[in-house]
Amino acid sequence: MAFPGPPKPSRVQRLLGPVGKGLVDLLYPRLCSVCQVPVDEGWFCGVCEGALPLVKPPYCMVCGEVYDGAVAGDFRCSNCSGRRLEFEFAVAACEAEEGARELIHKFKYERRLHLRGVLASLLMRTLEEPRLAGEDLGKWLLVPVPLHRSREVEREYNQSWELCERLSRLTGIPAAKALVRTRETVTQAGLNRAERLRNLRGAFAVMPGRPWRRVVGLKGRRVLLVDDVFTTGSTANECARVLKAEGGAEKVVVITVTRG
């Protein structure tokens, strides 16, 4: 097993489990996360689950961009060839299309916090990537891409931390807010690569320790950097640079729900 798994339920939880589940299902009938039709179990109805744009090979072994053509063996896309990146590789569960994109939008912008469960279950697919499946991920650390404080207050939560926390419950992999966003940045949309790098430079730092706040040690750690979507990779790359240069992390792998 690549990770410890969720904690074992207590004796009381085991006894109340079937009763509690039946009560919840009675009061809150299970619905498909996309189309809202009733389902017996799981997060999706058969139609919506079959329509999920899951990421499947072939894809770039660095940034995870899906390639439609036939490719023999591993490959790097033209965007990654000759480019120095701070993270080892990035992998996503779904392409940012159809139902997956709709779920992310509702979770991120419409305060549908209850969707963190289904998104974390999709995120678990990234741990099946062969380069991660053979790792003892219980020794790794889940770290969210941080929001600036003003943005987090406005949104009321950091979607990346919510995914981290829920994924940690499902897998037993420890999670920590190891990074902080030190300043606001303009939106990356419409910026070229050089402008994106300038926009993000100095925007992140390792979370400082305080007498009232214990911080996790990063030195020599292997990190799973968690976010909801991966687009150009500029944000992930800067976060990985800070984790390694300032925190001393050994390795950073980026996992996201969707690949834009």
C-alpha atoms as a PDB file:
ATOM      1  CA  MET A   1       0.000   0.000   0.000  1.00  0.00           C
ATOM      2  CA  ALA A   2       1.355   3.426  -0.974  1.00  0.00           C
ATOM      3  CA  PHE A   3      -0.221   5.210   2.004  1.00  0.00           C
ATOM      4  CA  PRO A   4      -1.497   4.288   5.482  1.00  0.00           C
ATOM      5  CA  GLY A   5      -5.191   4.779   4.759  1.00  0.00           C
ATOM      6  CA  PRO A   6      -7.836   6.377   6.991  1.00  0.00           C
ATOM      7  CA  PRO A   7      -7.734   5.762  10.762  1.00  0.00           C
ATOM      8  CA  LYS A   8      -9.612   2.710  11.964  1.00  0.00           C
ATOM      9  CA  PRO A   9     -13.075   3.526  13.379  1.00  0.00           C
ATOM     10  CA  SER A  10     -13.607   3.191  17.100  1.00  0.00           C
ATOM     11  CA  ARG A  11     -15.864   0.451  18.537  1.00  0.00           C
ATOM     12  CA  VAL A  12     -18.683   2.987  18.981  1.00  0.00           C
ATOM     13  CA  GLN A  13     -18.262   4.179  15.399  1.00  0.00           C
ATOM     14  CA  ARG A  14     -18.374   0.591  14.139  1.00  0.00           C
ATOM     15  CA  LEU A  15     -21.590  -0.063  16.054  1.00  0.00           C
ATOM     16  CA  LEU A  16     -23.262   3.161  14.980  1.00  0.00           C
ATOM     17  CA  GLY A  17     -21.891   3.107  11.439  1.00  0.00           C
ATOM     18  CA  PRO A  18     -24.759   1.319   9.627  1.00  0.00           C
ATOM     19  CA  VAL A  19     -27.405   3.110  11.720  1.00  0.00           C
ATOM     20  CA  GLY A  20     -25.790   6.495  11.201  1.00  0.00           C
ATOM     21  CA  LYS A  21     -25.423   5.935   7.461  1.00  0.00           C
ATOM     22  CA  GLY A  22     -29.050   4.889   7.170  1.00  0.00           C
ATOM     23  CA  LEU A  23     -30.170   7.971   9.074  1.00  0.00           C
ATOM     24  CA  VAL A  24     -28.094  10.319   6.911  1.00  0.00           C
ATOM     25  CA  ASP A  25     -29.357   8.674   3.707  1.00  0.00           C
ATOM     26  CA  LEU A  26     -32.920   9.080   4.946  1.00  0.00           C
ATOM     27  CA  LEU A  27     -32.547  12.753   5.841  1.00  0.00           C
ATOM     28  CA  TYR A  28     -30.207  13.664   2.987  1.00  0.00           C
ATOM     29  CA  PRO A  29     -30.732  11.343   0.005  1.00  0.00           C
ATOM     30  CA  ARG A  30     -27.552  10.701  -1.964  1.00  0.00           C
ATOM     31  CA  LEU A  31     -27.478  12.630  -5.255  1.00  0.00           C
ATOM     32  CA  CYS A  32     -25.101  12.657  -8.196  1.00  0.00           C
ATOM     33  CA  SER A  33     -22.566  15.455  -7.665  1.00  0.00           C
ATOM     34  CA  VAL A  34     -23.012  16.682 -11.248  1.00  0.00           C
ATOM     35  CA  CYS A  35     -26.637  16.213 -12.374  1.00  0.00           C
ATOM     36  CA  GLN A  36     -28.288  15.751  -8.947  1.00  0.00           C
ATOM     37  CA  VAL A  37     -30.250  12.594  -9.818  1.00  0.00           C
ATOM     38  CA  PRO A  38     -30.603  10.084  -6.922  1.00  0.00           C
ATOM     39  CA  VAL A  39     -27.860   7.441  -6.651  1.00  0.00           C
ATOM     40  CA  ASP A  40     -27.557   4.389  -4.414  1.00  0.00           C
ATOM     41  CA  GLU A  41     -23.878   4.882  -3.642  1.00  0.00           C
ATOM     42  CA  GLY A  42     -20.805   6.760  -4.766  1.00  0.00           C
ATOM     43  CA  TRP A  43     -20.503  10.359  -5.921  1.00  0.00           C
ATOM     44  CA  PHE A  44     -21.850  10.074  -9.469  1.00  0.00           C
ATOM     45  CA  CYS A  45     -24.600   8.457 -11.473  1.00  0.00           C
ATOM     46  CA  GLY A  46     -23.492   6.036 -14.184  1.00  0.00           C
ATOM     47  CA  VAL A  47     -23.882   8.585 -16.983  1.00  0.00           C
ATOM     48  CA  CYS A  48     -21.885  11.357 -15.295  1.00  0.00           C
ATOM     49  CA  GLU A  49     -19.195   8.997 -14.063  1.00  0.00           C
ATOM     50  CA  GLY A  50     -18.767   7.664 -17.575  1.00  0.00           C
ATOM     51  CA  ALA A  51     -18.514  11.213 -18.911  1.00  0.00           C
ATOM     52  CA  LEU A  52     -15.760  12.318 -16.530  1.00  0.00           C
ATOM     53  CA  PRO A  53     -12.786  13.559 -18.598  1.00  0.00           C
ATOM     54  CA  LEU A  54     -10.241  11.429 -16.726  1.00  0.00           C
ATOM     55  CA  VAL A  55      -6.576  11.973 -17.510  1.00  0.00           C
ATOM     56  CA  LYS A  56      -5.169   8.873 -19.207  1.00  0.00           C
ATOM     57  CA  PRO A  57      -1.883   8.198 -21.014  1.00  0.00           C
ATOM     58  CA  PRO A  58      -0.332   9.453 -23.116  1.00  0.00           C
ATOM     59  CA  TYR A  59       0.465  12.671 -21.281  1.00  0.00           C
ATOM     60  CA  CYS A  60       3.569  14.771 -20.747  1.00  0.00           C
ATOM     61  CA  MET A  61       5.691  13.138 -18.045  1.00  0.00           C
ATOM     62  CA  VAL A  62       6.572  16.567 -16.650  1.00  0.00           C
ATOM     63  CA  CYS A  63       3.503  18.832 -16.697  1.00  0.00           C
ATOM     64  CA  GLY A  64       0.813  16.181 -17.259  1.00  0.00           C
ATOM     65  CA  GLU A  65      -0.642  17.768 -20.402  1.00  0.00           C
ATOM     66  CA  VAL A  66      -2.780  15.209 -22.230  1.00  0.00           C
ATOM     67  CA  TYR A  67      -1.758  14.331 -25.769  1.00  0.00           C
ATOM     68  CA  ASP A  68      -4.389  13.084 -28.232  1.00  0.00           C
ATOM     69  CA  GLY A  69      -2.067  11.402 -30.696  1.00  0.00           C
ATOM     70  CA  ALA A  70      -0.282   8.071 -30.519  1.00  0.00           C
ATOM     71  CA  VAL A  71       2.962   8.192 -28.544  1.00  0.00           C
ATOM     72  CA  ALA A  72       5.325   5.290 -27.908  1.00  0.00           C
ATOM     73  CA  GLY A  73       6.861   5.518 -24.439  1.00  0.00           C
ATOM     74  CA  ASP A  74       7.369   8.529 -22.195  1.00  0.00           C
ATOM     75  CA  PHE A  75       7.590  11.997 -23.684  1.00  0.00           C
ATOM     76  CA  ARG A  76       8.002  15.664 -22.753  1.00  0.00           C
ATOM     77  CA  CYS A  77       5.735  18.198 -24.426  1.00  0.00           C
ATOM     78  CA  SER A  78       7.241  21.116 -26.351  1.00  0.00           C
ATOM     79  CA  ASN A  79       6.368  23.468 -23.478  1.00  0.00           C
ATOM     80  CA  CYS A  80       8.532  21.477 -21.032  1.00  0.00           C
ATOM     81  CA  SER A  81      11.411  20.574 -23.342  1.00  0.00           C
ATOM     82  CA  GLY A  82      14.505  22.542 -22.371  1.00  0.00           C
ATOM     83  CA  ARG A  83      12.689  24.216 -19.477  1.00  0.00           C
ATOM     84  CA  ARG A  84      14.091  23.991 -15.934  1.00  0.00           C
ATOM     85  CA  LEU A  85      11.324  23.246 -13.458  1.00  0.00           C
ATOM     86  CA  GLU A  86      11.553  23.028  -9.677  1.00  0.00           C
ATOM     87  CA  PHE A  87       8.969  20.263  -9.273  1.00  0.00           C
ATOM     88  CA  GLU A  88       9.657  16.687 -10.362  1.00  0.00           C
ATOM     89  CA  PHE A  89       6.406  16.301 -12.272  1.00  0.00           C
ATOM     90  CA  ALA A  90       2.714  17.225 -12.136  1.00  0.00           C
ATOM     91  CA  VAL A  91      -0.242  14.882 -12.466  1.00  0.00           C
ATOM     92  CA  ALA A  92      -3.979  15.608 -12.546  1.00  0.00           C
ATOM     93  CA  ALA A  93      -7.060  13.435 -12.145  1.00  0.00           C
ATOM     94  CA  CYS A  94      -9.220  15.016 -14.872  1.00  0.00           C
ATOM     95  CA  GLU A  95      -9.013  17.420 -17.744  1.00  0.00           C
ATOM     96  CA  ALA A  96     -10.680  20.752 -16.970  1.00  0.00           C
ATOM     97  CA  GLU A  97     -13.752  19.995 -19.059  1.00  0.00           C
ATOM     98  CA  GLU A  98     -17.452  19.196 -18.627  1.00  0.00           C
ATOM     99  CA  GLY A  99     -18.494  17.898 -15.202  1.00  0.00           C
ATOM    100  CA  ALA A 100     -15.024  18.201 -13.636  1.00  0.00           C
ATOM    101  CA  ARG A 101     -14.736  21.888 -14.566  1.00  0.00           C
ATOM    102  CA  GLU A 102     -18.255  22.538 -13.271  1.00  0.00           C
ATOM    103  CA  LEU A 103     -17.462  20.924  -9.911  1.00  0.00           C
ATOM    104  CA  ILE A 104     -14.293  22.993  -9.506  1.00  0.00           C
ATOM    105  CA  HIS A 105     -16.140  26.215 -10.347  1.00  0.00           C
ATOM    106  CA  LYS A 106     -18.904  25.542  -7.827  1.00  0.00           C
ATOM    107  CA  PHE A 107     -16.421  24.561  -5.129  1.00  0.00           C
ATOM    108  CA  LYS A 108     -14.110  27.500  -5.718  1.00  0.00           C
ATOM    109  CA  TYR A 109     -16.434  30.387  -6.522  1.00  0.00           C
ATOM    110  CA  GLU A 110     -19.880  29.422  -5.243  1.00  0.00           C
ATOM    111  CA  ARG A 111     -18.811  28.302  -1.742  1.00  0.00           C
ATOM    112  CA  ARG A 112     -20.045  24.727  -2.285  1.00  0.00           C
ATOM    113  CA  LEU A 113     -17.749  23.443   0.449  1.00  0.00           C
ATOM    114  CA  HIS A 114     -19.503  20.074   0.560  1.00  0.00           C
ATOM    115  CA  LEU A 115     -17.927  19.257  -2.815  1.00  0.00           C
ATOM    116  CA  ARG A 116     -14.494  18.838  -1.198  1.00  0.00           C
ATOM    117  CA  GLY A 117     -15.359  15.172  -0.594  1.00  0.00           C
ATOM    118  CA  VAL A 118     -15.965  14.285  -4.236  1.00  0.00           C
ATOM    119  CA  LEU A 119     -12.999  16.379  -5.400  1.00  0.00           C
ATOM    120  CA  ALA A 120     -10.694  14.719  -2.879  1.00  0.00           C
ATOM    121  CA  SER A 121     -11.894  11.311  -4.101  1.00  0.00           C
ATOM    122  CA  LEU A 122     -10.950  12.348  -7.647  1.00  0.00           C
ATOM    123  CA  LEU A 123      -7.623  13.674  -6.378  1.00  0.00           C
ATOM    124  CA  MET A 124      -6.857  10.221  -4.985  1.00  0.00           C
ATOM    125  CA  ARG A 125      -6.563   9.007  -8.583  1.00  0.00           C
ATOM    126  CA  THR A 126      -3.316  10.954  -8.908  1.00  0.00           C
ATOM    127  CA  LEU A 127      -1.735   8.707  -6.257  1.00  0.00           C
ATOM    128  CA  GLU A 128      -2.149   5.767  -8.655  1.00  0.00           C
ATOM    129  CA  GLU A 129       0.396   7.347 -11.017  1.00  0.00           C
ATOM    130  CA  PRO A 130       3.154   4.719 -11.353  1.00  0.00           C
ATOM    131  CA  ARG A 131       5.857   7.095 -10.107  1.00  0.00           C
ATOM    132  CA  LEU A 132       3.863   7.636  -6.896  1.00  0.00           C
ATOM    133  CA  ALA A 133       2.234   4.223  -6.495  1.00  0.00           C
ATOM    134  CA  GLY A 134       5.552   2.657  -5.564  1.00  0.00           C
ATOM    135  CA  GLU A 135       6.373   5.292  -2.937  1.00  0.00           C
ATOM    136  CA  ASP A 136       5.693   5.067   0.792  1.00  0.00           C
ATOM    137  CA  LEU A 137       3.510   8.173   0.745  1.00  0.00           C
ATOM    138  CA  GLY A 138       2.930   7.994   4.491  1.00  0.00           C
ATOM    139  CA  LYS A 139       6.373   9.602   4.778  1.00  0.00           C
ATOM    140  CA  TRP A 140       5.469  12.406   2.381  1.00  0.00           C
ATOM    141  CA  LEU A 141       3.710  15.659   3.257  1.00  0.00           C
ATOM    142  CA  LEU A 142       0.603  17.217   1.671  1.00  0.00           C
ATOM    143  CA  VAL A 143       1.067  20.994   1.263  1.00  0.00           C
ATOM    144  CA  PRO A 144      -1.581  23.328  -0.218  1.00  0.00           C
ATOM    145  CA  VAL A 145      -0.885  26.227  -2.558  1.00  0.00           C
ATOM    146  CA  PRO A 146      -1.691  29.180  -0.267  1.00  0.00           C
ATOM    147  CA  LEU A 147      -4.038  32.097  -0.872  1.00  0.00           C
ATOM    148  CA  HIS A 148      -3.219  35.624   0.208  1.00  0.00           C
ATOM    149  CA  ARG A 149      -4.938  36.423   3.502  1.00  0.00           C
ATOM    150  CA  SER A 150      -7.245  39.031   1.942  1.00  0.00           C
ATOM    151  CA  ARG A 151      -8.363  36.575  -0.764  1.00  0.00           C
ATOM    152  CA  GLU A 152      -8.942  33.810   1.777  1.00  0.00           C
ATOM    153  CA  VAL A 153     -11.028  36.141   3.957  1.00  0.00           C
ATOM    154  CA  GLU A 154     -13.078  37.115   0.917  1.00  0.00           C
ATOM    155  CA  ARG A 155     -13.587  33.495  -0.198  1.00  0.00           C
ATOM    156  CA  GLU A 156     -13.928  32.249   3.428  1.00  0.00           C
ATOM    157  CA  TYR A 157     -11.611  29.283   2.845  1.00  0.00           C
ATOM    158  CA  ASN A 158      -8.628  28.128   0.816  1.00  0.00           C
ATOM    159  CA  GLN A 159      -9.874  25.464  -1.581  1.00  0.00           C
ATOM    160  CA  SER A 160      -6.427  23.862  -1.770  1.00  0.00           C
ATOM    161  CA  TRP A 161      -6.220  23.411   2.001  1.00  0.00           C
ATOM    162  CA  GLU A 162      -9.717  21.928   2.094  1.00  0.00           C
ATOM    163  CA  LEU A 163      -8.624  19.360  -0.503  1.00  0.00           C
ATOM    164  CA  CYS A 164      -5.425  18.671   1.464  1.00  0.00           C
ATOM    165  CA  GLU A 165      -7.286  18.126   4.697  1.00  0.00           C
ATOM    166  CA  ARG A 166      -9.849  15.784   3.163  1.00  0.00           C
ATOM    167  CA  LEU A 167      -7.206  13.842   1.222  1.00  0.00           C
ATOM    168  CA  SER A 168      -5.231  13.450   4.445  1.00  0.00           C
ATOM    169  CA  ARG A 169      -8.297  11.913   6.125  1.00  0.00           C
ATOM    170  CA  LEU A 170      -8.758   9.476   3.244  1.00  0.00           C
ATOM    171  CA  THR A 171      -5.129   8.394   2.993  1.00  0.00           C
ATOM    172  CA  GLY A 172      -3.422   9.041   6.309  1.00  0.00           C
ATOM    173  CA  ILE A 173      -0.764  11.165   4.576  1.00  0.00           C
ATOM    174  CA  PRO A 174       0.037  14.117   6.881  1.00  0.00           C
ATOM    175  CA  ALA A 175      -0.910  17.615   5.719  1.00  0.00           C
ATOM    176  CA  ALA A 176       0.414  21.023   6.752  1.00  0.00           C
ATOM    177  CA  LYS A 177       0.155  24.677   5.764  1.00  0.00           C
ATOM    178  CA  ALA A 178       3.872  24.961   5.052  1.00  0.00           C
ATOM    179  CA  LEU A 179       3.691  27.962   2.701  1.00  0.00           C
ATOM    180  CA  VAL A 180       2.309  31.476   3.025  1.00  0.00           C
ATOM    181  CA  ARG A 181       1.448  33.972   0.301  1.00  0.00           C
ATOM    182  CA  THR A 182       3.263  37.164   1.204  1.00  0.00           C
ATOM    183  CA  ARG A 183       1.616  39.541  -1.247  1.00  0.00           C
ATOM    184  CA  GLU A 184      -1.283  39.817  -3.638  1.00  0.00           C
ATOM    185  CA  THR A 185      -0.619  39.115  -7.303  1.00  0.00           C
ATOM    186  CA  VAL A 186      -2.540  40.075 -10.406  1.00  0.00           C
ATOM    187  CA  THR A 187      -4.342  37.313 -12.252  1.00  0.00           C
ATOM    188  CA  GLN A 188      -2.059  35.186 -14.394  1.00  0.00           C
ATOM    189  CA  ALA A 189      -4.505  35.092 -17.311  1.00  0.00           C
ATOM    190  CA  GLY A 190      -3.218  37.044 -20.294  1.00  0.00           C
ATOM    191  CA  LEU A 191       0.393  37.195 -19.076  1.00  0.00           C
ATOM    192  CA  ASN A 192       3.252  35.655 -21.020  1.00  0.00           C
ATOM    193  CA  ARG A 193       5.765  33.334 -19.333  1.00  0.00           C
ATOM    194  CA  ALA A 194       8.235  36.082 -18.381  1.00  0.00           C
ATOM    195  CA  GLU A 195       5.431  38.250 -16.960  1.00  0.00           C
ATOM    196  CA  ARG A 196       4.056  35.311 -14.968  1.00  0.00           C
ATOM    197  CA  LEU A 197       7.445  34.672 -13.410  1.00  0.00           C
ATOM    198  CA  ARG A 198       7.880  38.340 -12.453  1.00  0.00           C
ATOM    199  CA  ASN A 199       4.337  38.427 -11.064  1.00  0.00           C
ATOM    200  CA  LEU A 200       4.988  35.448  -8.771  1.00  0.00           C
ATOM    201  CA  ARG A 201       8.585  36.125  -7.752  1.00  0.00           C
ATOM    202  CA  GLY A 202       8.667  36.772  -4.004  1.00  0.00           C
ATOM    203  CA  ALA A 203       4.945  36.030  -3.615  1.00  0.00           C
ATOM    204  CA  PHE A 204       5.492  32.905  -1.494  1.00  0.00           C
ATOM    205  CA  ALA A 205       7.535  32.049   1.573  1.00  0.00           C
ATOM    206  CA  VAL A 206       7.889  29.184   4.001  1.00  0.00           C
ATOM    207  CA  MET A 207       5.421  29.560   6.890  1.00  0.00           C
ATOM    208  CA  PRO A 208       7.322  31.274   9.727  1.00  0.00           C
ATOM    209  CA  GLY A 209       7.254  29.823  13.215  1.00  0.00           C
ATOM    210  CA  ARG A 210       5.617  31.703  16.061  1.00  0.00           C
ATOM    211  CA  PRO A 211       5.440  31.046  19.813  1.00  0.00           C
ATOM    212  CA  TRP A 212       1.760  30.179  19.355  1.00  0.00           C
ATOM    213  CA  ARG A 213       2.167  28.341  16.053  1.00  0.00           C
ATOM    214  CA  ARG A 214       4.224  25.229  15.507  1.00  0.00           C
ATOM    215  CA  VAL A 215       5.410  24.728  11.959  1.00  0.00           C
ATOM    216  CA  VAL A 216       6.320  21.473  10.273  1.00  0.00           C
ATOM    217  CA  GLY A 217       9.924  20.788   9.297  1.00  0.00           C
ATOM    218  CA  LEU A 218      10.506  20.599   5.540  1.00  0.00           C
ATOM    219  CA  LYS A 219      14.192  19.732   5.441  1.00  0.00           C
ATOM    220  CA  GLY A 220      14.698  16.472   3.590  1.00  0.00           C
ATOM    221  CA  ARG A 221      10.928  15.955   3.181  1.00  0.00           C
ATOM    222  CA  ARG A 222       9.163  14.813   0.051  1.00  0.00           C
ATOM    223  CA  VAL A 223       6.156  17.004  -0.687  1.00  0.00           C
ATOM    224  CA  LEU A 224       2.895  16.562  -2.574  1.00  0.00           C
ATOM    225  CA  LEU A 225       1.916  20.118  -3.555  1.00  0.00           C
ATOM    226  CA  VAL A 226      -1.891  20.224  -3.803  1.00  0.00           C
ATOM    227  CA  ASP A 227      -4.069  22.576  -5.864  1.00  0.00           C
ATOM    228  CA  ASP A 228      -7.429  22.435  -7.597  1.00  0.00           C
ATOM    229  CA  VAL A 229      -6.174  23.107 -11.134  1.00  0.00           C
ATOM    230  CA  PHE A 230      -2.873  23.101 -13.023  1.00  0.00           C
ATOM    231  CA  THR A 231      -2.669  25.441 -16.015  1.00  0.00           C
ATOM    232  CA  THR A 232       0.749  26.804 -17.020  1.00  0.00           C
ATOM    233  CA  GLY A 233       2.515  25.548 -13.890  1.00  0.00           C
ATOM    234  CA  SER A 234       4.014  28.954 -13.011  1.00  0.00           C
ATOM    235  CA  THR A 235       2.425  29.052  -9.548  1.00  0.00           C
ATOM    236  CA  ALA A 236       3.319  25.433  -8.781  1.00  0.00           C
ATOM    237  CA  ASN A 237       6.870  26.002  -9.960  1.00  0.00           C
ATOM    238  CA  GLU A 238       7.392  29.019  -7.705  1.00  0.00           C
ATOM    239  CA  CYS A 239       5.904  27.185  -4.721  1.00  0.00           C
ATOM    240  CA  ALA A 240       8.215  24.227  -5.399  1.00  0.00           C
ATOM    241  CA  ARG A 241      11.217  26.554  -5.655  1.00  0.00           C
ATOM    242  CA  VAL A 242      10.451  28.073  -2.246  1.00  0.00           C
ATOM    243  CA  LEU A 243       9.812  24.666  -0.640  1.00  0.00           C
ATOM    244  CA  LYS A 244      13.223  23.476  -1.798  1.00  0.00           C
ATOM    245  CA  ALA A 245      15.327  26.644  -1.584  1.00  0.00           C
ATOM    246  CA  GLU A 246      13.943  28.021   1.686  1.00  0.00           C
ATOM    247  CA  GLY A 247      12.505  24.916   3.328  1.00  0.00           C
ATOM    248  CA  GLY A 248      15.049  22.339   2.237  1.00  0.00           C
ATOM    249  CA  ALA A 249      12.472  19.939   0.786  1.00  0.00           C
ATOM    250  CA  GLU A 250      14.074  17.058  -1.119  1.00  0.00           C
ATOM    251  CA  LYS A 251      11.421  16.601  -3.790  1.00  0.00           C
ATOM    252  CA  VAL A 252       8.140  18.229  -4.859  1.00  0.00           C
ATOM    253  CA  VAL A 253       5.419  16.544  -6.925  1.00  0.00           C
ATOM    254  CA  VAL A 254       2.313  18.509  -7.935  1.00  0.00           C
ATOM    255  CA  ILE A 255      -1.117  16.847  -7.742  1.00  0.00           C
ATOM    256  CA  THR A 256      -4.305  18.595  -8.873  1.00  0.00           C
ATOM    257  CA  VAL A 257      -7.928  17.702  -9.523  1.00  0.00           C
ATOM    258  CA  THR A 258      -7.890  19.124 -13.051  1.00  0.00           C
ATOM    259  CA  ARG A 259      -5.425  19.942 -15.823  1.00  0.00           C
ATOM    260  CA  GLY A 260      -6.352  23.152 -17.667  1.00  0.00           C
END
